[in-house]
Amino acid sequence: QVQLVESGGGLVQPGGSLRLSCAASGSIFSGTTMDWYRQAPGKERELVARITSGGSPSYKDSVKGRFSISRDNAKNTVYLQMNSLKPEDTAVYYCHMPYASSWGQGTQVTVSS
């Protein structure tokens, strides 16, 4: 069973930045796609960003140009750099490995003045 552990969430003012990290256990990380999802109160969980094993990223339209997903296979870690944050980005952010059907515990991001 793959374990995913997120970190890096917190409270930030509008326009600020945060970088989320997700560390994965096991040996399959480098060969598989990784996702970042988020879930705001009262809303469904939604896919925010994806990075393939080859490093190709894709993004939800509302975060394009502001968020950047990357990975470090040597550290079994995927990152989500979030810039120009808006109050509507407030949510619990989850790391997901589709191949293993694994989810992290989530990290809270709150954007508020």
PDB file of N, CA and C in Angstrom:
ATOM      1  N   GLN A   1       0.838  -1.185   0.000  1.00  0.00           N
ATOM      2  CA  GLN A   1       0.000   0.000   0.000  1.00  0.00           C
ATOM      3  C   GLN A   1       0.885   1.252   0.000  1.00  0.00           C
ATOM      4  N   VAL A   2       0.643   2.119  -0.970  1.00  0.00           N
ATOM      5  CA  VAL A   2       1.409   3.356  -1.057  1.00  0.00           C
ATOM      6  C   VAL A   2       0.853   4.362  -0.052  1.00  0.00           C
ATOM      7  N   GLN A   3       1.743   5.005   0.684  1.00  0.00           N
ATOM      8  CA  GLN A   3       1.335   6.075   1.599  1.00  0.00           C
ATOM      9  C   GLN A   3       1.771   7.416   1.038  1.00  0.00           C
ATOM     10  N   LEU A   4       0.865   8.382   1.117  1.00  0.00           N
ATOM     11  CA  LEU A   4       1.118   9.739   0.644  1.00  0.00           C
ATOM     12  C   LEU A   4       0.955  10.703   1.810  1.00  0.00           C
ATOM     13  N   VAL A   5       1.931  11.574   2.000  1.00  0.00           N
ATOM     14  CA  VAL A   5       1.893  12.524   3.111  1.00  0.00           C
ATOM     15  C   VAL A   5       2.093  13.930   2.565  1.00  0.00           C
ATOM     16  N   GLU A   6       1.039  14.763   2.724  1.00  0.00           N
ATOM     17  CA  GLU A   6       1.111  16.149   2.251  1.00  0.00           C
ATOM     18  C   GLU A   6       1.623  17.066   3.353  1.00  0.00           C
ATOM     19  N   SER A   7       2.187  18.179   2.936  1.00  0.00           N
ATOM     20  CA  SER A   7       2.596  19.227   3.858  1.00  0.00           C
ATOM     21  C   SER A   7       2.623  20.556   3.105  1.00  0.00           C
ATOM     22  N   GLY A   8       2.680  21.648   3.881  1.00  0.00           N
ATOM     23  CA  GLY A   8       2.854  22.950   3.258  1.00  0.00           C
ATOM     24  C   GLY A   8       1.636  23.851   3.240  1.00  0.00           C
ATOM     25  N   GLY A   9       0.499  23.359   3.716  1.00  0.00           N
ATOM     26  CA  GLY A   9      -0.689  24.201   3.739  1.00  0.00           C
ATOM     27  C   GLY A   9      -0.586  25.274   4.813  1.00  0.00           C
ATOM     28  N   GLY A  10      -1.586  26.170   4.836  1.00  0.00           N
ATOM     29  CA  GLY A  10      -1.607  27.212   5.838  1.00  0.00           C
ATOM     30  C   GLY A  10      -2.528  28.347   5.469  1.00  0.00           C
ATOM     31  N   LEU A  11      -2.400  29.427   6.208  1.00  0.00           N
ATOM     32  CA  LEU A  11      -3.188  30.639   5.979  1.00  0.00           C
ATOM     33  C   LEU A  11      -2.331  31.654   5.233  1.00  0.00           C
ATOM     34  N   VAL A  12      -2.877  32.191   4.159  1.00  0.00           N
ATOM     35  CA  VAL A  12      -2.136  33.159   3.354  1.00  0.00           C
ATOM     36  C   VAL A  12      -3.099  34.244   2.897  1.00  0.00           C
ATOM     37  N   GLN A  13      -2.594  35.433   2.719  1.00  0.00           N
ATOM     38  CA  GLN A  13      -3.419  36.540   2.240  1.00  0.00           C
ATOM     39  C   GLN A  13      -3.641  36.429   0.731  1.00  0.00           C
ATOM     40  N   PRO A  14      -4.715  37.000   0.232  1.00  0.00           N
ATOM     41  CA  PRO A  14      -4.926  37.015  -1.220  1.00  0.00           C
ATOM     42  C   PRO A  14      -3.718  37.613  -1.936  1.00  0.00           C
ATOM     43  N   GLY A  15      -3.344  36.960  -3.046  1.00  0.00           N
ATOM     44  CA  GLY A  15      -2.158  37.378  -3.774  1.00  0.00           C
ATOM     45  C   GLY A  15      -0.888  36.698  -3.328  1.00  0.00           C
ATOM     46  N   GLY A  16      -0.956  35.974  -2.223  1.00  0.00           N
ATOM     47  CA  GLY A  16       0.218  35.293  -1.693  1.00  0.00           C
ATOM     48  C   GLY A  16       0.499  33.964  -2.360  1.00  0.00           C
ATOM     49  N   SER A  17       1.519  33.281  -1.848  1.00  0.00           N
ATOM     50  CA  SER A  17       1.961  32.014  -2.425  1.00  0.00           C
ATOM     51  C   SER A  17       2.140  30.957  -1.347  1.00  0.00           C
ATOM     52  N   LEU A  18       1.978  29.715  -1.756  1.00  0.00           N
ATOM     53  CA  LEU A  18       2.265  28.554  -0.922  1.00  0.00           C
ATOM     54  C   LEU A  18       2.818  27.457  -1.823  1.00  0.00           C
ATOM     55  N   ARG A  19       3.637  26.589  -1.244  1.00  0.00           N
ATOM     56  CA  ARG A  19       4.078  25.396  -1.966  1.00  0.00           C
ATOM     57  C   ARG A  19       3.704  24.170  -1.158  1.00  0.00           C
ATOM     58  N   LEU A  20       2.909  23.324  -1.779  1.00  0.00           N
ATOM     59  CA  LEU A  20       2.526  22.058  -1.160  1.00  0.00           C
ATOM     60  C   LEU A  20       3.492  20.964  -1.609  1.00  0.00           C
ATOM     61  N   SER A  21       3.741  20.027  -0.697  1.00  0.00           N
ATOM     62  CA  SER A  21       4.574  18.871  -0.998  1.00  0.00           C
ATOM     63  C   SER A  21       3.811  17.598  -0.677  1.00  0.00           C
ATOM     64  N   CYS A  22       4.096  16.556  -1.419  1.00  0.00           N
ATOM     65  CA  CYS A  22       3.504  15.246  -1.158  1.00  0.00           C
ATOM     66  C   CYS A  22       4.600  14.197  -1.321  1.00  0.00           C
ATOM     67  N   ALA A  23       4.927  13.541  -0.215  1.00  0.00           N
ATOM     68  CA  ALA A  23       5.947  12.506  -0.225  1.00  0.00           C
ATOM     69  C   ALA A  23       5.285  11.133  -0.300  1.00  0.00           C
ATOM     70  N   ALA A  24       5.775  10.299  -1.207  1.00  0.00           N
ATOM     71  CA  ALA A  24       5.193   8.976  -1.420  1.00  0.00           C
ATOM     72  C   ALA A  24       6.139   7.879  -0.959  1.00  0.00           C
ATOM     73  N   SER A  25       5.569   6.823  -0.381  1.00  0.00           N
ATOM     74  CA  SER A  25       6.364   5.650  -0.015  1.00  0.00           C
ATOM     75  C   SER A  25       6.419   4.702  -1.199  1.00  0.00           C
ATOM     76  N   GLY A  26       7.306   3.732  -1.142  1.00  0.00           N
ATOM     77  CA  GLY A  26       7.351   2.707  -2.168  1.00  0.00           C
ATOM     78  C   GLY A  26       8.226   3.057  -3.345  1.00  0.00           C
ATOM     79  N   SER A  27       8.214   2.157  -4.331  1.00  0.00           N
ATOM     80  CA  SER A  27       9.156   2.267  -5.436  1.00  0.00           C
ATOM     81  C   SER A  27       8.499   2.551  -6.786  1.00  0.00           C
ATOM     82  N   ILE A  28       7.192   2.794  -6.811  1.00  0.00           N
ATOM     83  CA  ILE A  28       6.528   2.975  -8.097  1.00  0.00           C
ATOM     84  C   ILE A  28       6.344   4.428  -8.474  1.00  0.00           C
ATOM     85  N   PHE A  29       6.740   5.353  -7.574  1.00  0.00           N
ATOM     86  CA  PHE A  29       6.445   6.772  -7.770  1.00  0.00           C
ATOM     87  C   PHE A  29       6.918   7.272  -9.128  1.00  0.00           C
ATOM     88  N   SER A  30       8.159   6.973  -9.480  1.00  0.00           N
ATOM     89  CA  SER A  30       8.747   7.557 -10.685  1.00  0.00           C
ATOM     90  C   SER A  30       8.031   7.126 -11.958  1.00  0.00           C
ATOM     91  N   GLY A  31       7.334   6.012 -11.918  1.00  0.00           N
ATOM     92  CA  GLY A  31       6.701   5.480 -13.110  1.00  0.00           C
ATOM     93  C   GLY A  31       5.222   5.743 -13.240  1.00  0.00           C
ATOM     94  N   THR A  32       4.689   6.632 -12.426  1.00  0.00           N
ATOM     95  CA  THR A  32       3.249   6.806 -12.422  1.00  0.00           C
ATOM     96  C   THR A  32       2.835   8.267 -12.362  1.00  0.00           C
ATOM     97  N   THR A  33       1.628   8.528 -12.863  1.00  0.00           N
ATOM     98  CA  THR A  33       1.030   9.857 -12.812  1.00  0.00           C
ATOM     99  C   THR A  33       0.667  10.226 -11.379  1.00  0.00           C
ATOM    100  N   MET A  34       0.801  11.515 -11.056  1.00  0.00           N
ATOM    101  CA  MET A  34       0.414  12.027  -9.744  1.00  0.00           C
ATOM    102  C   MET A  34      -0.527  13.211  -9.923  1.00  0.00           C
ATOM    103  N   ASP A  35      -1.509  13.301  -9.028  1.00  0.00           N
ATOM    104  CA  ASP A  35      -2.530  14.351  -9.082  1.00  0.00           C
ATOM    105  C   ASP A  35      -2.561  15.163  -7.794  1.00  0.00           C
ATOM    106  N   TRP A  36      -3.012  16.406  -7.936  1.00  0.00           N
ATOM    107  CA  TRP A  36      -3.438  17.211  -6.796  1.00  0.00           C
ATOM    108  C   TRP A  36      -4.933  17.502  -6.981  1.00  0.00           C
ATOM    109  N   TYR A  37      -5.714  17.197  -5.963  1.00  0.00           N
ATOM    110  CA  TYR A  37      -7.127  17.517  -5.907  1.00  0.00           C
ATOM    111  C   TYR A  37      -7.359  18.522  -4.783  1.00  0.00           C
ATOM    112  N   ARG A  38      -8.547  19.124  -4.799  1.00  0.00           N
ATOM    113  CA  ARG A  38      -8.951  19.969  -3.677  1.00  0.00           C
ATOM    114  C   ARG A  38     -10.456  19.819  -3.438  1.00  0.00           C
ATOM    115  N   GLN A  39     -10.840  20.076  -2.193  1.00  0.00           N
ATOM    116  CA  GLN A  39     -12.251  20.020  -1.831  1.00  0.00           C
ATOM    117  C   GLN A  39     -12.582  21.170  -0.901  1.00  0.00           C
ATOM    118  N   ALA A  40     -13.445  22.053  -1.372  1.00  0.00           N
ATOM    119  CA  ALA A  40     -13.907  23.174  -0.571  1.00  0.00           C
ATOM    120  C   ALA A  40     -15.162  22.756   0.203  1.00  0.00           C
ATOM    121  N   PRO A  41     -15.468  23.434   1.286  1.00  0.00           N
ATOM    122  CA  PRO A  41     -16.657  23.078   2.081  1.00  0.00           C
ATOM    123  C   PRO A  41     -17.925  23.088   1.234  1.00  0.00           C
ATOM    124  N   GLY A  42     -18.688  22.006   1.310  1.00  0.00           N
ATOM    125  CA  GLY A  42     -19.935  21.916   0.575  1.00  0.00           C
ATOM    126  C   GLY A  42     -19.801  21.635  -0.902  1.00  0.00           C
ATOM    127  N   LYS A  43     -18.579  21.392  -1.353  1.00  0.00           N
ATOM    128  CA  LYS A  43     -18.357  21.140  -2.783  1.00  0.00           C
ATOM    129  C   LYS A  43     -17.705  19.784  -2.996  1.00  0.00           C
ATOM    130  N   GLU A  44     -17.789  19.299  -4.246  1.00  0.00           N
ATOM    131  CA  GLU A  44     -17.167  18.033  -4.573  1.00  0.00           C
ATOM    132  C   GLU A  44     -15.657  18.203  -4.728  1.00  0.00           C
ATOM    133  N   ARG A  45     -14.958  17.102  -4.518  1.00  0.00           N
ATOM    134  CA  ARG A  45     -13.519  17.107  -4.740  1.00  0.00           C
ATOM    135  C   ARG A  45     -13.254  17.267  -6.234  1.00  0.00           C
ATOM    136  N   GLU A  46     -12.279  18.118  -6.573  1.00  0.00           N
ATOM    137  CA  GLU A  46     -11.994  18.392  -7.974  1.00  0.00           C
ATOM    138  C   GLU A  46     -10.501  18.288  -8.264  1.00  0.00           C
ATOM    139  N   LEU A  47     -10.204  17.864  -9.487  1.00  0.00           N
ATOM    140  CA  LEU A  47      -8.822  17.747  -9.928  1.00  0.00           C
ATOM    141  C   LEU A  47      -8.269  19.130 -10.237  1.00  0.00           C
ATOM    142  N   VAL A  48      -7.143  19.442  -9.644  1.00  0.00           N
ATOM    143  CA  VAL A  48      -6.516  20.756  -9.824  1.00  0.00           C
ATOM    144  C   VAL A  48      -5.354  20.675 -10.813  1.00  0.00           C
ATOM    145  N   ALA A  49      -4.513  19.655 -10.658  1.00  0.00           N
ATOM    146  CA  ALA A  49      -3.331  19.539 -11.505  1.00  0.00           C
ATOM    147  C   ALA A  49      -2.893  18.082 -11.569  1.00  0.00           C
ATOM    148  N   ARG A  50      -2.266  17.743 -12.669  1.00  0.00           N
ATOM    149  CA  ARG A  50      -1.772  16.381 -12.901  1.00  0.00           C
ATOM    150  C   ARG A  50      -0.401  16.463 -13.549  1.00  0.00           C
ATOM    151  N   ILE A  51       0.456  15.524 -13.182  1.00  0.00           N
ATOM    152  CA  ILE A  51       1.746  15.415 -13.841  1.00  0.00           C
ATOM    153  C   ILE A  51       1.994  13.954 -14.184  1.00  0.00           C
ATOM    154  N   THR A  52       2.347  13.701 -15.438  1.00  0.00           N
ATOM    155  CA  THR A  52       2.586  12.324 -15.867  1.00  0.00           C
ATOM    156  C   THR A  52       3.957  11.842 -15.401  1.00  0.00           C
ATOM    157  N   SER A  53       4.215  10.562 -15.604  1.00  0.00           N
ATOM    158  CA  SER A  53       5.524  10.017 -15.230  1.00  0.00           C
ATOM    159  C   SER A  53       6.630  10.689 -16.032  1.00  0.00           C
ATOM    160  N   GLY A  54       6.311  11.161 -17.218  1.00  0.00           N
ATOM    161  CA  GLY A  54       7.292  11.848 -18.055  1.00  0.00           C
ATOM    162  C   GLY A  54       7.437  13.320 -17.766  1.00  0.00           C
ATOM    163  N   GLY A  55       6.628  13.823 -16.814  1.00  0.00           N
ATOM    164  CA  GLY A  55       6.754  15.217 -16.406  1.00  0.00           C
ATOM    165  C   GLY A  55       5.832  16.183 -17.110  1.00  0.00           C
ATOM    166  N   SER A  56       4.873  15.686 -17.890  1.00  0.00           N
ATOM    167  CA  SER A  56       3.946  16.585 -18.585  1.00  0.00           C
ATOM    168  C   SER A  56       2.826  17.019 -17.647  1.00  0.00           C
ATOM    169  N   PRO A  57       2.642  18.338 -17.463  1.00  0.00           N
ATOM    170  CA  PRO A  57       1.623  18.830 -16.546  1.00  0.00           C
ATOM    171  C   PRO A  57       0.313  19.190 -17.265  1.00  0.00           C
ATOM    172  N   SER A  58      -0.757  19.172 -16.515  1.00  0.00           N
ATOM    173  CA  SER A  58      -2.039  19.702 -16.985  1.00  0.00           C
ATOM    174  C   SER A  58      -2.758  20.310 -15.794  1.00  0.00           C
ATOM    175  N   TYR A  59      -3.657  21.279 -16.060  1.00  0.00           N
ATOM    176  CA  TYR A  59      -4.259  22.072 -14.994  1.00  0.00           C
ATOM    177  C   TYR A  59      -5.734  22.331 -15.225  1.00  0.00           C
ATOM    178  N   LYS A  60      -6.437  22.497 -14.122  1.00  0.00           N
ATOM    179  CA  LYS A  60      -7.803  23.012 -14.160  1.00  0.00           C
ATOM    180  C   LYS A  60      -7.732  24.450 -14.679  1.00  0.00           C
ATOM    181  N   ASP A  61      -8.714  24.825 -15.510  1.00  0.00           N
ATOM    182  CA  ASP A  61      -8.658  26.135 -16.150  1.00  0.00           C
ATOM    183  C   ASP A  61      -8.476  27.285 -15.168  1.00  0.00           C
ATOM    184  N   SER A  62      -9.150  27.209 -14.038  1.00  0.00           N
ATOM    185  CA  SER A  62      -9.144  28.340 -13.109  1.00  0.00           C
ATOM    186  C   SER A  62      -7.803  28.556 -12.415  1.00  0.00           C
ATOM    187  N   VAL A  63      -6.878  27.592 -12.526  1.00  0.00           N
ATOM    188  CA  VAL A  63      -5.570  27.753 -11.873  1.00  0.00           C
ATOM    189  C   VAL A  63      -4.431  27.897 -12.878  1.00  0.00           C
ATOM    190  N   LYS A  64      -4.738  27.789 -14.160  1.00  0.00           N
ATOM    191  CA  LYS A  64      -3.693  27.925 -15.187  1.00  0.00           C
ATOM    192  C   LYS A  64      -3.018  29.279 -15.079  1.00  0.00           C
ATOM    193  N   GLY A  65      -1.697  29.253 -15.149  1.00  0.00           N
ATOM    194  CA  GLY A  65      -0.941  30.499 -15.049  1.00  0.00           C
ATOM    195  C   GLY A  65      -0.630  30.908 -13.618  1.00  0.00           C
ATOM    196  N   ARG A  66      -1.286  30.258 -12.644  1.00  0.00           N
ATOM    197  CA  ARG A  66      -1.035  30.593 -11.235  1.00  0.00           C
ATOM    198  C   ARG A  66      -0.409  29.425 -10.477  1.00  0.00           C
ATOM    199  N   PHE A  67      -0.804  28.204 -10.815  1.00  0.00           N
ATOM    200  CA  PHE A  67      -0.296  27.009 -10.129  1.00  0.00           C
ATOM    201  C   PHE A  67       0.685  26.277 -11.044  1.00  0.00           C
ATOM    202  N   SER A  68       1.643  25.611 -10.413  1.00  0.00           N
ATOM    203  CA  SER A  68       2.606  24.822 -11.161  1.00  0.00           C
ATOM    204  C   SER A  68       2.880  23.514 -10.426  1.00  0.00           C
ATOM    205  N   ILE A  69       2.705  22.396 -11.128  1.00  0.00           N
ATOM    206  CA  ILE A  69       2.973  21.088 -10.540  1.00  0.00           C
ATOM    207  C   ILE A  69       4.328  20.598 -11.030  1.00  0.00           C
ATOM    208  N   SER A  70       5.076  19.970 -10.132  1.00  0.00           N
ATOM    209  CA  SER A  70       6.382  19.429 -10.502  1.00  0.00           C
ATOM    210  C   SER A  70       6.652  18.189  -9.666  1.00  0.00           C
ATOM    211  N   ARG A  71       7.681  17.455 -10.029  1.00  0.00           N
ATOM    212  CA  ARG A  71       8.015  16.248  -9.286  1.00  0.00           C
ATOM    213  C   ARG A  71       9.522  16.085  -9.196  1.00  0.00           C
ATOM    214  N   ASP A  72       9.958  15.440  -8.113  1.00  0.00           N
ATOM    215  CA  ASP A  72      11.348  15.069  -7.906  1.00  0.00           C
ATOM    216  C   ASP A  72      11.357  13.573  -7.646  1.00  0.00           C
ATOM    217  N   ASN A  73      11.671  12.815  -8.677  1.00  0.00           N
ATOM    218  CA  ASN A  73      11.617  11.358  -8.544  1.00  0.00           C
ATOM    219  C   ASN A  73      12.671  10.814  -7.582  1.00  0.00           C
ATOM    220  N   ALA A  74      13.776  11.526  -7.431  1.00  0.00           N
ATOM    221  CA  ALA A  74      14.811  11.088  -6.491  1.00  0.00           C
ATOM    222  C   ALA A  74      14.317  11.171  -5.048  1.00  0.00           C
ATOM    223  N   LYS A  75      13.359  12.065  -4.805  1.00  0.00           N
ATOM    224  CA  LYS A  75      12.812  12.240  -3.456  1.00  0.00           C
ATOM    225  C   LYS A  75      11.408  11.656  -3.323  1.00  0.00           C
ATOM    226  N   ASN A  76      10.901  11.016  -4.382  1.00  0.00           N
ATOM    227  CA  ASN A  76       9.528  10.481  -4.349  1.00  0.00           C
ATOM    228  C   ASN A  76       8.529  11.548  -3.919  1.00  0.00           C
ATOM    229  N   THR A  77       8.682  12.746  -4.438  1.00  0.00           N
ATOM    230  CA  THR A  77       7.877  13.868  -3.990  1.00  0.00           C
ATOM    231  C   THR A  77       7.303  14.632  -5.182  1.00  0.00           C
ATOM    232  N   VAL A  78       6.030  15.036  -5.030  1.00  0.00           N
ATOM    233  CA  VAL A  78       5.382  15.898  -6.007  1.00  0.00           C
ATOM    234  C   VAL A  78       5.037  17.203  -5.309  1.00  0.00           C
ATOM    235  N   TYR A  79       5.133  18.300  -6.049  1.00  0.00           N
ATOM    236  CA  TYR A  79       4.925  19.627  -5.483  1.00  0.00           C
ATOM    237  C   TYR A  79       3.795  20.346  -6.221  1.00  0.00           C
ATOM    238  N   LEU A  80       3.179  21.278  -5.513  1.00  0.00           N
ATOM    239  CA  LEU A  80       2.223  22.180  -6.143  1.00  0.00           C
ATOM    240  C   LEU A  80       2.568  23.601  -5.683  1.00  0.00           C
ATOM    241  N   GLN A  81       3.150  24.364  -6.577  1.00  0.00           N
ATOM    242  CA  GLN A  81       3.451  25.762  -6.297  1.00  0.00           C
ATOM    243  C   GLN A  81       2.222  26.587  -6.649  1.00  0.00           C
ATOM    244  N   MET A  82       1.718  27.332  -5.679  1.00  0.00           N
ATOM    245  CA  MET A  82       0.497  28.107  -5.863  1.00  0.00           C
ATOM    246  C   MET A  82       0.811  29.589  -5.664  1.00  0.00           C
ATOM    247  N   ASN A  83       0.656  30.349  -6.719  1.00  0.00           N
ATOM    248  CA  ASN A  83       0.906  31.791  -6.687  1.00  0.00           C
ATOM    249  C   ASN A  83      -0.388  32.558  -6.939  1.00  0.00           C
ATOM    250  N   SER A  84      -0.359  33.846  -6.626  1.00  0.00           N
ATOM    251  CA  SER A  84      -1.521  34.712  -6.843  1.00  0.00           C
ATOM    252  C   SER A  84      -2.795  34.082  -6.291  1.00  0.00           C
ATOM    253  N   LEU A  85      -2.698  33.593  -5.082  1.00  0.00           N
ATOM    254  CA  LEU A  85      -3.826  32.868  -4.483  1.00  0.00           C
ATOM    255  C   LEU A  85      -5.030  33.767  -4.283  1.00  0.00           C
ATOM    256  N   LYS A  86      -6.211  33.157  -4.443  1.00  0.00           N
ATOM    257  CA  LYS A  86      -7.483  33.858  -4.313  1.00  0.00           C
ATOM    258  C   LYS A  86      -8.316  33.194  -3.214  1.00  0.00           C
ATOM    259  N   PRO A  87      -9.252  33.912  -2.631  1.00  0.00           N
ATOM    260  CA  PRO A  87     -10.103  33.301  -1.606  1.00  0.00           C
ATOM    261  C   PRO A  87     -10.798  32.036  -2.100  1.00  0.00           C
ATOM    262  N   GLU A  88     -11.133  31.974  -3.370  1.00  0.00           N
ATOM    263  CA  GLU A  88     -11.801  30.784  -3.901  1.00  0.00           C
ATOM    264  C   GLU A  88     -10.877  29.580  -4.029  1.00  0.00           C
ATOM    265  N   ASP A  89      -9.601  29.756  -3.771  1.00  0.00           N
ATOM    266  CA  ASP A  89      -8.675  28.620  -3.727  1.00  0.00           C
ATOM    267  C   ASP A  89      -8.697  27.926  -2.364  1.00  0.00           C
ATOM    268  N   THR A  90      -9.408  28.503  -1.418  1.00  0.00           N
ATOM    269  CA  THR A  90      -9.497  27.908  -0.084  1.00  0.00           C
ATOM    270  C   THR A  90     -10.131  26.526  -0.156  1.00  0.00           C
ATOM    271  N   ALA A  91      -9.442  25.535   0.379  1.00  0.00           N
ATOM    272  CA  ALA A  91      -9.903  24.145   0.316  1.00  0.00           C
ATOM    273  C   ALA A  91      -8.905  23.254   1.052  1.00  0.00           C
ATOM    274  N   VAL A  92      -9.300  22.015   1.226  1.00  0.00           N
ATOM    275  CA  VAL A  92      -8.343  20.987   1.625  1.00  0.00           C
ATOM    276  C   VAL A  92      -7.756  20.405   0.348  1.00  0.00           C
ATOM    277  N   TYR A  93      -6.441  20.367   0.265  1.00  0.00           N
ATOM    278  CA  TYR A  93      -5.749  19.877  -0.918  1.00  0.00           C
ATOM    279  C   TYR A  93      -5.228  18.463  -0.639  1.00  0.00           C
ATOM    280  N   TYR A  94      -5.474  17.575  -1.606  1.00  0.00           N
ATOM    281  CA  TYR A  94      -5.119  16.175  -1.472  1.00  0.00           C
ATOM    282  C   TYR A  94      -4.188  15.739  -2.596  1.00  0.00           C
ATOM    283  N   CYS A  95      -3.229  14.943  -2.240  1.00  0.00           N
ATOM    284  CA  CYS A  95      -2.353  14.284  -3.200  1.00  0.00           C
ATOM    285  C   CYS A  95      -2.984  12.929  -3.544  1.00  0.00           C
ATOM    286  N   HIS A  96      -2.885  12.518  -4.812  1.00  0.00           N
ATOM    287  CA  HIS A  96      -3.505  11.266  -5.247  1.00  0.00           C
ATOM    288  C   HIS A  96      -2.622  10.545  -6.243  1.00  0.00           C
ATOM    289  N   MET A  97      -2.468   9.242  -6.042  1.00  0.00           N
ATOM    290  CA  MET A  97      -1.770   8.378  -6.989  1.00  0.00           C
ATOM    291  C   MET A  97      -2.813   7.446  -7.604  1.00  0.00           C
ATOM    292  N   PRO A  98      -3.261   7.764  -8.817  1.00  0.00           N
ATOM    293  CA  PRO A  98      -4.332   6.953  -9.411  1.00  0.00           C
ATOM    294  C   PRO A  98      -3.984   5.469  -9.566  1.00  0.00           C
ATOM    295  N   TYR A  99      -2.745   5.168  -9.913  1.00  0.00           N
ATOM    296  CA  TYR A  99      -2.358   3.777 -10.167  1.00  0.00           C
ATOM    297  C   TYR A  99      -2.585   2.905  -8.942  1.00  0.00           C
ATOM    298  N   ALA A 100      -2.282   3.472  -7.761  1.00  0.00           N
ATOM    299  CA  ALA A 100      -2.406   2.722  -6.513  1.00  0.00           C
ATOM    300  C   ALA A 100      -3.700   3.031  -5.783  1.00  0.00           C
ATOM    301  N   SER A 101      -4.532   3.896  -6.359  1.00  0.00           N
ATOM    302  CA  SER A 101      -5.770   4.342  -5.699  1.00  0.00           C
ATOM    303  C   SER A 101      -5.485   4.869  -4.296  1.00  0.00           C
ATOM    304  N   SER A 102      -4.390   5.575  -4.149  1.00  0.00           N
ATOM    305  CA  SER A 102      -3.980   6.091  -2.838  1.00  0.00           C
ATOM    306  C   SER A 102      -4.219   7.587  -2.738  1.00  0.00           C
ATOM    307  N   TRP A 103      -4.628   7.995  -1.539  1.00  0.00           N
ATOM    308  CA  TRP A 103      -4.863   9.402  -1.220  1.00  0.00           C
ATOM    309  C   TRP A 103      -4.073   9.785   0.024  1.00  0.00           C
ATOM    310  N   GLY A 104      -3.620  11.027   0.053  1.00  0.00           N
ATOM    311  CA  GLY A 104      -3.035  11.557   1.266  1.00  0.00           C
ATOM    312  C   GLY A 104      -4.119  11.994   2.233  1.00  0.00           C
ATOM    313  N   GLN A 105      -3.693  12.489   3.395  1.00  0.00           N
ATOM    314  CA  GLN A 105      -4.646  12.884   4.429  1.00  0.00           C
ATOM    315  C   GLN A 105      -5.211  14.285   4.196  1.00  0.00           C
ATOM    316  N   GLY A 106      -4.590  15.040   3.321  1.00  0.00           N
ATOM    317  CA  GLY A 106      -5.048  16.384   3.005  1.00  0.00           C
ATOM    318  C   GLY A 106      -4.330  17.442   3.819  1.00  0.00           C
ATOM    319  N   THR A 107      -4.221  18.624   3.237  1.00  0.00           N
ATOM    320  CA  THR A 107      -3.634  19.764   3.923  1.00  0.00           C
ATOM    321  C   THR A 107      -4.505  20.991   3.629  1.00  0.00           C
ATOM    322  N   GLN A 108      -4.819  21.749   4.682  1.00  0.00           N
ATOM    323  CA  GLN A 108      -5.732  22.871   4.549  1.00  0.00           C
ATOM    324  C   GLN A 108      -5.005  24.091   3.995  1.00  0.00           C
ATOM    325  N   VAL A 109      -5.609  24.701   2.988  1.00  0.00           N
ATOM    326  CA  VAL A 109      -5.148  25.976   2.450  1.00  0.00           C
ATOM    327  C   VAL A 109      -6.272  26.988   2.629  1.00  0.00           C
ATOM    328  N   THR A 110      -5.981  28.071   3.330  1.00  0.00           N
ATOM    329  CA  THR A 110      -6.962  29.122   3.562  1.00  0.00           C
ATOM    330  C   THR A 110      -6.405  30.436   3.039  1.00  0.00           C
ATOM    331  N   VAL A 111      -7.152  31.053   2.141  1.00  0.00           N
ATOM    332  CA  VAL A 111      -6.743  32.333   1.565  1.00  0.00           C
ATOM    333  C   VAL A 111      -7.714  33.399   2.069  1.00  0.00           C
ATOM    334  N   SER A 112      -7.210  34.251   2.924  1.00  0.00           N
ATOM    335  CA  SER A 112      -8.078  35.242   3.561  1.00  0.00           C
ATOM    336  C   SER A 112      -7.256  36.405   4.074  1.00  0.00           C
ATOM    337  N   SER A 113      -7.863  37.585   4.058  1.00  0.00           N
ATOM    338  CA  SER A 113      -7.201  38.755   4.625  1.00  0.00           C
ATOM    339  C   SER A 113      -7.620  38.937   6.090  1.00  0.00           C
TER     340      SER A 113
END
